[in-house]
Amino acid sequence: MGAHESAMIQVNFNRLAEFYFPGEHVSGEIFFQNKHDRLKVEEIFIEIVDVLAYKTTESRSSTDSNGSSTTEYYNDYHHVPFFTNRVLLARSDGLQ
């Protein structure tokens, strides 16, 4: 956020979920606490990001000097954002 210890923001959604689906209603509250007069909030927005996620597995085999072979598996998790939408929730009118 860039405000460090001078401000605190907390977002509480109506329910805890890792995923929300199209058409689902999402609601909650935003709490903002400001300890300094010079710090002003210009706008509050939320970014909705759609991410394509997938896992790949790589196997690596090796044989030791006794002829015993070992196979190890390595998982890699990929996240590719493909859509971002910024929704403005509030904007200061300069007097607040």
PDB file of N, CA and C in Angstrom:
ATOM      1  N   MET A   1       0.820  -1.183   0.000  1.00  0.00           N
ATOM      2  CA  MET A   1       0.000   0.000   0.000  1.00  0.00           C
ATOM      3  C   MET A   1       0.862   1.245   0.000  1.00  0.00           C
ATOM      4  N   GLY A   2       2.071   1.213   0.541  1.00  0.00           N
ATOM      5  CA  GLY A   2       2.928   2.375   0.535  1.00  0.00           C
ATOM      6  C   GLY A   2       2.792   3.254   1.760  1.00  0.00           C
ATOM      7  N   ALA A   3       1.846   3.004   2.631  1.00  0.00           N
ATOM      8  CA  ALA A   3       1.634   3.841   3.798  1.00  0.00           C
ATOM      9  C   ALA A   3       2.378   3.308   5.026  1.00  0.00           C
ATOM     10  N   HIS A   4       2.893   2.108   4.952  1.00  0.00           N
ATOM     11  CA  HIS A   4       3.635   1.460   6.040  1.00  0.00           C
ATOM     12  C   HIS A   4       2.814   1.444   7.325  1.00  0.00           C
ATOM     13  N   GLU A   5       3.394   1.880   8.442  1.00  0.00           N
ATOM     14  CA  GLU A   5       2.706   1.802   9.723  1.00  0.00           C
ATOM     15  C   GLU A   5       1.727   2.954   9.952  1.00  0.00           C
ATOM     16  N   SER A   6       1.703   3.931   9.081  1.00  0.00           N
ATOM     17  CA  SER A   6       0.880   5.112   9.311  1.00  0.00           C
ATOM     18  C   SER A   6      -0.601   4.877   9.025  1.00  0.00           C
ATOM     19  N   ALA A   7      -0.919   3.815   8.319  1.00  0.00           N
ATOM     20  CA  ALA A   7      -2.316   3.526   8.003  1.00  0.00           C
ATOM     21  C   ALA A   7      -2.529   2.021   8.000  1.00  0.00           C
ATOM     22  N   MET A   8      -3.783   1.649   8.228  1.00  0.00           N
ATOM     23  CA  MET A   8      -4.138   0.250   8.217  1.00  0.00           C
ATOM     24  C   MET A   8      -5.418   0.081   7.420  1.00  0.00           C
ATOM     25  N   ILE A   9      -5.433  -0.911   6.557  1.00  0.00           N
ATOM     26  CA  ILE A   9      -6.651  -1.214   5.809  1.00  0.00           C
ATOM     27  C   ILE A   9      -6.970  -2.687   5.992  1.00  0.00           C
ATOM     28  N   GLN A  10      -8.240  -2.976   6.169  1.00  0.00           N
ATOM     29  CA  GLN A  10      -8.685  -4.347   6.372  1.00  0.00           C
ATOM     30  C   GLN A  10      -9.932  -4.568   5.530  1.00  0.00           C
ATOM     31  N   VAL A  11      -9.984  -5.678   4.824  1.00  0.00           N
ATOM     32  CA  VAL A  11     -11.138  -6.028   4.002  1.00  0.00           C
ATOM     33  C   VAL A  11     -11.726  -7.330   4.543  1.00  0.00           C
ATOM     34  N   ASN A  12     -12.999  -7.305   4.862  1.00  0.00           N
ATOM     35  CA  ASN A  12     -13.709  -8.497   5.335  1.00  0.00           C
ATOM     36  C   ASN A  12     -14.830  -8.799   4.355  1.00  0.00           C
ATOM     37  N   PHE A  13     -14.770  -9.958   3.707  1.00  0.00           N
ATOM     38  CA  PHE A  13     -15.823 -10.375   2.798  1.00  0.00           C
ATOM     39  C   PHE A  13     -16.934 -11.080   3.575  1.00  0.00           C
ATOM     40  N   ASN A  14     -18.099 -11.168   2.956  1.00  0.00           N
ATOM     41  CA  ASN A  14     -19.252 -11.788   3.613  1.00  0.00           C
ATOM     42  C   ASN A  14     -19.015 -13.272   3.876  1.00  0.00           C
ATOM     43  N   ARG A  15     -18.100 -13.873   3.161  1.00  0.00           N
ATOM     44  CA  ARG A  15     -17.735 -15.270   3.423  1.00  0.00           C
ATOM     45  C   ARG A  15     -16.300 -15.494   2.957  1.00  0.00           C
ATOM     46  N   LEU A  16     -15.638 -16.429   3.591  1.00  0.00           N
ATOM     47  CA  LEU A  16     -14.277 -16.751   3.208  1.00  0.00           C
ATOM     48  C   LEU A  16     -14.312 -17.758   2.065  1.00  0.00           C
ATOM     49  N   ALA A  17     -13.679 -17.406   0.972  1.00  0.00           N
ATOM     50  CA  ALA A  17     -13.622 -18.312  -0.176  1.00  0.00           C
ATOM     51  C   ALA A  17     -12.373 -17.986  -0.984  1.00  0.00           C
ATOM     52  N   GLU A  18     -11.722 -19.011  -1.489  1.00  0.00           N
ATOM     53  CA  GLU A  18     -10.580 -18.775  -2.362  1.00  0.00           C
ATOM     54  C   GLU A  18     -11.037 -18.386  -3.759  1.00  0.00           C
ATOM     55  N   PHE A  19     -12.223 -18.855  -4.134  1.00  0.00           N
ATOM     56  CA  PHE A  19     -12.715 -18.630  -5.483  1.00  0.00           C
ATOM     57  C   PHE A  19     -14.137 -18.098  -5.443  1.00  0.00           C
ATOM     58  N   TYR A  20     -14.421 -17.221  -6.368  1.00  0.00           N
ATOM     59  CA  TYR A  20     -15.783 -16.760  -6.601  1.00  0.00           C
ATOM     60  C   TYR A  20     -16.095 -17.033  -8.070  1.00  0.00           C
ATOM     61  N   PHE A  21     -17.316 -17.406  -8.356  1.00  0.00           N
ATOM     62  CA  PHE A  21     -17.699 -17.790  -9.704  1.00  0.00           C
ATOM     63  C   PHE A  21     -18.527 -16.694 -10.361  1.00  0.00           C
ATOM     64  N   PRO A  22     -18.570 -16.658 -11.699  1.00  0.00           N
ATOM     65  CA  PRO A  22     -19.351 -15.642 -12.403  1.00  0.00           C
ATOM     66  C   PRO A  22     -20.805 -15.640 -11.929  1.00  0.00           C
ATOM     67  N   GLY A  23     -21.320 -14.445 -11.706  1.00  0.00           N
ATOM     68  CA  GLY A  23     -22.692 -14.289 -11.263  1.00  0.00           C
ATOM     69  C   GLY A  23     -22.859 -14.330  -9.754  1.00  0.00           C
ATOM     70  N   GLU A  24     -21.808 -14.695  -9.025  1.00  0.00           N
ATOM     71  CA  GLU A  24     -21.878 -14.750  -7.565  1.00  0.00           C
ATOM     72  C   GLU A  24     -21.842 -13.351  -6.983  1.00  0.00           C
ATOM     73  N   HIS A  25     -22.654 -13.101  -5.970  1.00  0.00           N
ATOM     74  CA  HIS A  25     -22.688 -11.812  -5.281  1.00  0.00           C
ATOM     75  C   HIS A  25     -21.611 -11.812  -4.202  1.00  0.00           C
ATOM     76  N   VAL A  26     -20.756 -10.796  -4.214  1.00  0.00           N
ATOM     77  CA  VAL A  26     -19.685 -10.665  -3.230  1.00  0.00           C
ATOM     78  C   VAL A  26     -19.908  -9.359  -2.478  1.00  0.00           C
ATOM     79  N   SER A  27     -19.921  -9.436  -1.155  1.00  0.00           N
ATOM     80  CA  SER A  27     -20.083  -8.227  -0.357  1.00  0.00           C
ATOM     81  C   SER A  27     -19.156  -8.298   0.844  1.00  0.00           C
ATOM     82  N   GLY A  28     -19.000  -7.154   1.496  1.00  0.00           N
ATOM     83  CA  GLY A  28     -18.148  -7.112   2.669  1.00  0.00           C
ATOM     84  C   GLY A  28     -17.958  -5.683   3.134  1.00  0.00           C
ATOM     85  N   GLU A  29     -16.961  -5.481   3.984  1.00  0.00           N
ATOM     86  CA  GLU A  29     -16.676  -4.164   4.539  1.00  0.00           C
ATOM     87  C   GLU A  29     -15.195  -3.859   4.393  1.00  0.00           C
ATOM     88  N   ILE A  30     -14.902  -2.572   4.210  1.00  0.00           N
ATOM     89  CA  ILE A  30     -13.532  -2.096   4.154  1.00  0.00           C
ATOM     90  C   ILE A  30     -13.325  -1.144   5.325  1.00  0.00           C
ATOM     91  N   PHE A  31     -12.329  -1.424   6.144  1.00  0.00           N
ATOM     92  CA  PHE A  31     -11.985  -0.575   7.277  1.00  0.00           C
ATOM     93  C   PHE A  31     -10.647   0.097   6.994  1.00  0.00           C
ATOM     94  N   PHE A  32     -10.603   1.417   7.162  1.00  0.00           N
ATOM     95  CA  PHE A  32      -9.376   2.177   6.934  1.00  0.00           C
ATOM     96  C   PHE A  32      -9.109   3.051   8.151  1.00  0.00           C
ATOM     97  N   GLN A  33      -7.903   2.937   8.690  1.00  0.00           N
ATOM     98  CA  GLN A  33      -7.519   3.748   9.847  1.00  0.00           C
ATOM     99  C   GLN A  33      -6.279   4.544   9.474  1.00  0.00           C
ATOM    100  N   ASN A  34      -6.352   5.855   9.686  1.00  0.00           N
ATOM    101  CA  ASN A  34      -5.278   6.771   9.324  1.00  0.00           C
ATOM    102  C   ASN A  34      -4.790   7.482  10.578  1.00  0.00           C
ATOM    103  N   LYS A  35      -3.480   7.393  10.853  1.00  0.00           N
ATOM    104  CA  LYS A  35      -2.923   8.028  12.050  1.00  0.00           C
ATOM    105  C   LYS A  35      -2.270   9.383  11.753  1.00  0.00           C
ATOM    106  N   HIS A  36      -2.189   9.765  10.501  1.00  0.00           N
ATOM    107  CA  HIS A  36      -1.496  11.004  10.135  1.00  0.00           C
ATOM    108  C   HIS A  36      -2.409  11.915   9.315  1.00  0.00           C
ATOM    109  N   ASP A  37      -2.367  13.202   9.627  1.00  0.00           N
ATOM    110  CA  ASP A  37      -3.208  14.169   8.915  1.00  0.00           C
ATOM    111  C   ASP A  37      -2.774  14.346   7.464  1.00  0.00           C
ATOM    112  N   ARG A  38      -1.493  14.173   7.188  1.00  0.00           N
ATOM    113  CA  ARG A  38      -0.995  14.416   5.827  1.00  0.00           C
ATOM    114  C   ARG A  38      -1.345  13.297   4.855  1.00  0.00           C
ATOM    115  N   LEU A  39      -1.684  12.139   5.350  1.00  0.00           N
ATOM    116  CA  LEU A  39      -2.020  11.010   4.491  1.00  0.00           C
ATOM    117  C   LEU A  39      -3.497  11.068   4.145  1.00  0.00           C
ATOM    118  N   LYS A  40      -3.805  11.193   2.872  1.00  0.00           N
ATOM    119  CA  LYS A  40      -5.194  11.290   2.411  1.00  0.00           C
ATOM    120  C   LYS A  40      -5.497  10.125   1.464  1.00  0.00           C
ATOM    121  N   VAL A  41      -6.700   9.602   1.558  1.00  0.00           N
ATOM    122  CA  VAL A  41      -7.150   8.550   0.653  1.00  0.00           C
ATOM    123  C   VAL A  41      -7.783   9.212  -0.553  1.00  0.00           C
ATOM    124  N   GLU A  42      -7.255   8.920  -1.734  1.00  0.00           N
ATOM    125  CA  GLU A  42      -7.821   9.481  -2.963  1.00  0.00           C
ATOM    126  C   GLU A  42      -8.918   8.595  -3.523  1.00  0.00           C
ATOM    127  N   GLU A  43      -8.692   7.280  -3.478  1.00  0.00           N
ATOM    128  CA  GLU A  43      -9.714   6.369  -3.982  1.00  0.00           C
ATOM    129  C   GLU A  43      -9.512   4.985  -3.375  1.00  0.00           C
ATOM    130  N   ILE A  44     -10.582   4.239  -3.354  1.00  0.00           N
ATOM    131  CA  ILE A  44     -10.554   2.840  -2.930  1.00  0.00           C
ATOM    132  C   ILE A  44     -11.114   2.032  -4.093  1.00  0.00           C
ATOM    133  N   PHE A  45     -10.350   1.048  -4.507  1.00  0.00           N
ATOM    134  CA  PHE A  45     -10.803   0.200  -5.609  1.00  0.00           C
ATOM    135  C   PHE A  45     -10.445  -1.247  -5.309  1.00  0.00           C
ATOM    136  N   ILE A  46     -11.086  -2.134  -6.025  1.00  0.00           N
ATOM    137  CA  ILE A  46     -10.787  -3.555  -5.930  1.00  0.00           C
ATOM    138  C   ILE A  46     -10.460  -4.034  -7.337  1.00  0.00           C
ATOM    139  N   GLU A  47      -9.484  -4.914  -7.434  1.00  0.00           N
ATOM    140  CA  GLU A  47      -9.139  -5.493  -8.733  1.00  0.00           C
ATOM    141  C   GLU A  47      -9.593  -6.943  -8.764  1.00  0.00           C
ATOM    142  N   ILE A  48     -10.328  -7.261  -9.789  1.00  0.00           N
ATOM    143  CA  ILE A  48     -10.795  -8.624 -10.003  1.00  0.00           C
ATOM    144  C   ILE A  48      -9.856  -9.243 -11.036  1.00  0.00           C
ATOM    145  N   VAL A  49      -9.215 -10.336 -10.660  1.00  0.00           N
ATOM    146  CA  VAL A  49      -8.215 -10.947 -11.529  1.00  0.00           C
ATOM    147  C   VAL A  49      -8.621 -12.392 -11.805  1.00  0.00           C
ATOM    148  N   ASP A  50      -8.730 -12.745 -13.086  1.00  0.00           N
ATOM    149  CA  ASP A  50      -8.958 -14.133 -13.485  1.00  0.00           C
ATOM    150  C   ASP A  50      -7.606 -14.757 -13.781  1.00  0.00           C
ATOM    151  N   VAL A  51      -7.389 -15.944 -13.230  1.00  0.00           N
ATOM    152  CA  VAL A  51      -6.099 -16.608 -13.358  1.00  0.00           C
ATOM    153  C   VAL A  51      -6.311 -18.033 -13.852  1.00  0.00           C
ATOM    154  N   LEU A  52      -5.530 -18.406 -14.847  1.00  0.00           N
ATOM    155  CA  LEU A  52      -5.482 -19.794 -15.298  1.00  0.00           C
ATOM    156  C   LEU A  52      -4.390 -20.469 -14.492  1.00  0.00           C
ATOM    157  N   ALA A  53      -4.720 -21.553 -13.800  1.00  0.00           N
ATOM    158  CA  ALA A  53      -3.739 -22.252 -12.980  1.00  0.00           C
ATOM    159  C   ALA A  53      -3.650 -23.708 -13.419  1.00  0.00           C
ATOM    160  N   TYR A  54      -2.416 -24.204 -13.478  1.00  0.00           N
ATOM    161  CA  TYR A  54      -2.227 -25.609 -13.813  1.00  0.00           C
ATOM    162  C   TYR A  54      -0.923 -26.115 -13.197  1.00  0.00           C
ATOM    163  N   LYS A  55      -0.818 -27.431 -13.083  1.00  0.00           N
ATOM    164  CA  LYS A  55       0.343 -28.064 -12.479  1.00  0.00           C
ATOM    165  C   LYS A  55       1.023 -28.955 -13.501  1.00  0.00           C
ATOM    166  N   THR A  56       2.352 -28.911 -13.542  1.00  0.00           N
ATOM    167  CA  THR A  56       3.115 -29.832 -14.373  1.00  0.00           C
ATOM    168  C   THR A  56       4.000 -30.674 -13.452  1.00  0.00           C
ATOM    169  N   THR A  57       4.268 -31.904 -13.859  1.00  0.00           N
ATOM    170  CA  THR A  57       5.129 -32.803 -13.098  1.00  0.00           C
ATOM    171  C   THR A  57       6.255 -33.277 -13.998  1.00  0.00           C
ATOM    172  N   GLU A  58       7.464 -33.160 -13.488  1.00  0.00           N
ATOM    173  CA  GLU A  58       8.650 -33.612 -14.217  1.00  0.00           C
ATOM    174  C   GLU A  58       9.252 -34.771 -13.440  1.00  0.00           C
ATOM    175  N   SER A  59       9.631 -35.827 -14.153  1.00  0.00           N
ATOM    176  CA  SER A  59      10.291 -36.958 -13.490  1.00  0.00           C
ATOM    177  C   SER A  59      11.756 -36.987 -13.909  1.00  0.00           C
ATOM    178  N   ARG A  60      12.615 -37.280 -12.931  1.00  0.00           N
ATOM    179  CA  ARG A  60      14.051 -37.390 -13.181  1.00  0.00           C
ATOM    180  C   ARG A  60      14.511 -38.738 -12.643  1.00  0.00           C
ATOM    181  N   SER A  61      15.117 -39.515 -13.518  1.00  0.00           N
ATOM    182  CA  SER A  61      15.595 -40.844 -13.139  1.00  0.00           C
ATOM    183  C   SER A  61      17.112 -40.865 -13.140  1.00  0.00           C
ATOM    184  N   SER A  62      17.659 -41.631 -12.210  1.00  0.00           N
ATOM    185  CA  SER A  62      19.112 -41.801 -12.156  1.00  0.00           C
ATOM    186  C   SER A  62      19.417 -43.229 -11.716  1.00  0.00           C
ATOM    187  N   THR A  63      20.572 -43.687 -12.118  1.00  0.00           N
ATOM    188  CA  THR A  63      21.019 -45.028 -11.748  1.00  0.00           C
ATOM    189  C   THR A  63      22.341 -44.904 -11.018  1.00  0.00           C
ATOM    190  N   ASP A  64      22.446 -45.560  -9.859  1.00  0.00           N
ATOM    191  CA  ASP A  64      23.692 -45.468  -9.097  1.00  0.00           C
ATOM    192  C   ASP A  64      24.680 -46.527  -9.572  1.00  0.00           C
ATOM    193  N   SER A  65      25.845 -46.588  -8.948  1.00  0.00           N
ATOM    194  CA  SER A  65      26.915 -47.502  -9.376  1.00  0.00           C
ATOM    195  C   SER A  65      26.552 -48.962  -9.150  1.00  0.00           C
ATOM    196  N   ASN A  66      25.558 -49.246  -8.310  1.00  0.00           N
ATOM    197  CA  ASN A  66      25.112 -50.621  -8.067  1.00  0.00           C
ATOM    198  C   ASN A  66      24.034 -51.062  -9.051  1.00  0.00           C
ATOM    199  N   GLY A  67      23.609 -50.160  -9.915  1.00  0.00           N
ATOM    200  CA  GLY A  67      22.578 -50.493 -10.885  1.00  0.00           C
ATOM    201  C   GLY A  67      21.164 -50.225 -10.406  1.00  0.00           C
ATOM    202  N   SER A  68      21.014 -49.664  -9.208  1.00  0.00           N
ATOM    203  CA  SER A  68      19.681 -49.332  -8.687  1.00  0.00           C
ATOM    204  C   SER A  68      19.224 -48.004  -9.285  1.00  0.00           C
ATOM    205  N   SER A  69      18.020 -48.010  -9.785  1.00  0.00           N
ATOM    206  CA  SER A  69      17.502 -46.765 -10.371  1.00  0.00           C
ATOM    207  C   SER A  69      16.517 -46.112  -9.412  1.00  0.00           C
ATOM    208  N   THR A  70      16.536 -44.791  -9.433  1.00  0.00           N
ATOM    209  CA  THR A  70      15.656 -43.986  -8.599  1.00  0.00           C
ATOM    210  C   THR A  70      14.980 -42.950  -9.475  1.00  0.00           C
ATOM    211  N   THR A  71      13.689 -42.758  -9.252  1.00  0.00           N
ATOM    212  CA  THR A  71      12.946 -41.730  -9.972  1.00  0.00           C
ATOM    213  C   THR A  71      12.387 -40.736  -8.966  1.00  0.00           C
ATOM    214  N   GLU A  72      12.639 -39.456  -9.213  1.00  0.00           N
ATOM    215  CA  GLU A  72      12.101 -38.395  -8.376  1.00  0.00           C
ATOM    216  C   GLU A  72      11.130 -37.571  -9.207  1.00  0.00           C
ATOM    217  N   TYR A  73      10.088 -37.082  -8.549  1.00  0.00           N
ATOM    218  CA  TYR A  73       9.068 -36.291  -9.225  1.00  0.00           C
ATOM    219  C   TYR A  73       9.069 -34.871  -8.668  1.00  0.00           C
ATOM    220  N   TYR A  74       9.008 -33.914  -9.556  1.00  0.00           N
ATOM    221  CA  TYR A  74       9.016 -32.497  -9.184  1.00  0.00           C
ATOM    222  C   TYR A  74       7.769 -31.836  -9.755  1.00  0.00           C
ATOM    223  N   ASN A  75       6.993 -31.223  -8.874  1.00  0.00           N
ATOM    224  CA  ASN A  75       5.790 -30.509  -9.297  1.00  0.00           C
ATOM    225  C   ASN A  75       6.097 -29.030  -9.441  1.00  0.00           C
ATOM    226  N   ASP A  76       5.519 -28.439 -10.461  1.00  0.00           N
ATOM    227  CA  ASP A  76       5.636 -26.993 -10.657  1.00  0.00           C
ATOM    228  C   ASP A  76       4.225 -26.447 -10.874  1.00  0.00           C
ATOM    229  N   TYR A  77       3.898 -25.395 -10.154  1.00  0.00           N
ATOM    230  CA  TYR A  77       2.567 -24.801 -10.228  1.00  0.00           C
ATOM    231  C   TYR A  77       2.656 -23.491 -11.002  1.00  0.00           C
ATOM    232  N   HIS A  78       1.792 -23.339 -11.981  1.00  0.00           N
ATOM    233  CA  HIS A  78       1.807 -22.171 -12.865  1.00  0.00           C
ATOM    234  C   HIS A  78       0.517 -21.379 -12.672  1.00  0.00           C
ATOM    235  N   HIS A  79       0.642 -20.049 -12.669  1.00  0.00           N
ATOM    236  CA  HIS A  79      -0.502 -19.150 -12.570  1.00  0.00           C
ATOM    237  C   HIS A  79      -0.350 -18.075 -13.640  1.00  0.00           C
ATOM    238  N   VAL A  80      -1.291 -18.036 -14.556  1.00  0.00           N
ATOM    239  CA  VAL A  80      -1.239 -17.085 -15.663  1.00  0.00           C
ATOM    240  C   VAL A  80      -2.460 -16.169 -15.597  1.00  0.00           C
ATOM    241  N   PRO A  81      -2.273 -14.891 -15.179  1.00  0.00           N
ATOM    242  CA  PRO A  81      -3.418 -13.970 -15.184  1.00  0.00           C
ATOM    243  C   PRO A  81      -3.798 -13.633 -16.626  1.00  0.00           C
ATOM    244  N   PHE A  82      -5.091 -13.671 -16.922  1.00  0.00           N
ATOM    245  CA  PHE A  82      -5.505 -13.380 -18.294  1.00  0.00           C
ATOM    246  C   PHE A  82      -6.570 -12.296 -18.381  1.00  0.00           C
ATOM    247  N   PHE A  83      -7.076 -11.847 -17.232  1.00  0.00           N
ATOM    248  CA  PHE A  83      -8.076 -10.780 -17.261  1.00  0.00           C
ATOM    249  C   PHE A  83      -8.006 -10.033 -15.938  1.00  0.00           C
ATOM    250  N   THR A  84      -7.979  -8.701 -15.996  1.00  0.00           N
ATOM    251  CA  THR A  84      -8.004  -7.874 -14.797  1.00  0.00           C
ATOM    252  C   THR A  84      -9.017  -6.761 -14.991  1.00  0.00           C
ATOM    253  N   ASN A  85      -9.869  -6.558 -13.996  1.00  0.00           N
ATOM    254  CA  ASN A  85     -10.868  -5.501 -14.051  1.00  0.00           C
ATOM    255  C   ASN A  85     -10.812  -4.720 -12.739  1.00  0.00           C
ATOM    256  N   ARG A  86     -10.590  -3.422 -12.823  1.00  0.00           N
ATOM    257  CA  ARG A  86     -10.548  -2.569 -11.641  1.00  0.00           C
ATOM    258  C   ARG A  86     -11.916  -1.922 -11.452  1.00  0.00           C
ATOM    259  N   VAL A  87     -12.475  -2.087 -10.230  1.00  0.00           N
ATOM    260  CA  VAL A  87     -13.781  -1.530  -9.902  1.00  0.00           C
ATOM    261  C   VAL A  87     -13.578  -0.473  -8.824  1.00  0.00           C
ATOM    262  N   LEU A  88     -13.928   0.756  -9.142  1.00  0.00           N
ATOM    263  CA  LEU A  88     -13.812   1.856  -8.195  1.00  0.00           C
ATOM    264  C   LEU A  88     -14.926   1.760  -7.165  1.00  0.00           C
ATOM    265  N   LEU A  89     -14.555   1.756  -5.874  1.00  0.00           N
ATOM    266  CA  LEU A  89     -15.536   1.668  -4.803  1.00  0.00           C
ATOM    267  C   LEU A  89     -15.838   3.024  -4.199  1.00  0.00           C
ATOM    268  N   ALA A  90     -14.820   3.880  -4.110  1.00  0.00           N
ATOM    269  CA  ALA A  90     -15.011   5.219  -3.528  1.00  0.00           C
ATOM    270  C   ALA A  90     -13.904   6.132  -4.021  1.00  0.00           C
ATOM    271  N   ARG A  91     -14.252   7.415  -4.198  1.00  0.00           N
ATOM    272  CA  ARG A  91     -13.264   8.413  -4.601  1.00  0.00           C
ATOM    273  C   ARG A  91     -13.495   9.685  -3.781  1.00  0.00           C
ATOM    274  N   SER A  92     -12.416  10.264  -3.285  1.00  0.00           N
ATOM    275  CA  SER A  92     -12.511  11.487  -2.489  1.00  0.00           C
ATOM    276  C   SER A  92     -12.914  12.657  -3.384  1.00  0.00           C
ATOM    277  N   ASP A  93     -13.733  13.533  -2.828  1.00  0.00           N
ATOM    278  CA  ASP A  93     -14.106  14.727  -3.585  1.00  0.00           C
ATOM    279  C   ASP A  93     -13.175  15.910  -3.279  1.00  0.00           C
ATOM    280  N   GLY A  94     -12.071  15.622  -2.574  1.00  0.00           N
ATOM    281  CA  GLY A  94     -11.106  16.666  -2.255  1.00  0.00           C
ATOM    282  C   GLY A  94     -11.349  17.317  -0.918  1.00  0.00           C
ATOM    283  N   LEU A  95     -12.548  17.231  -0.374  1.00  0.00           N
ATOM    284  CA  LEU A  95     -12.874  17.850   0.898  1.00  0.00           C
ATOM    285  C   LEU A  95     -12.829  16.862   2.055  1.00  0.00           C
ATOM    286  N   GLN A  96     -12.832  15.586   1.746  1.00  0.00           N
ATOM    287  CA  GLN A  96     -12.872  14.558   2.788  1.00  0.00           C
ATOM    288  C   GLN A  96     -11.465  14.070   3.095  1.00  0.00           C
TER     289      GLN A  96
END
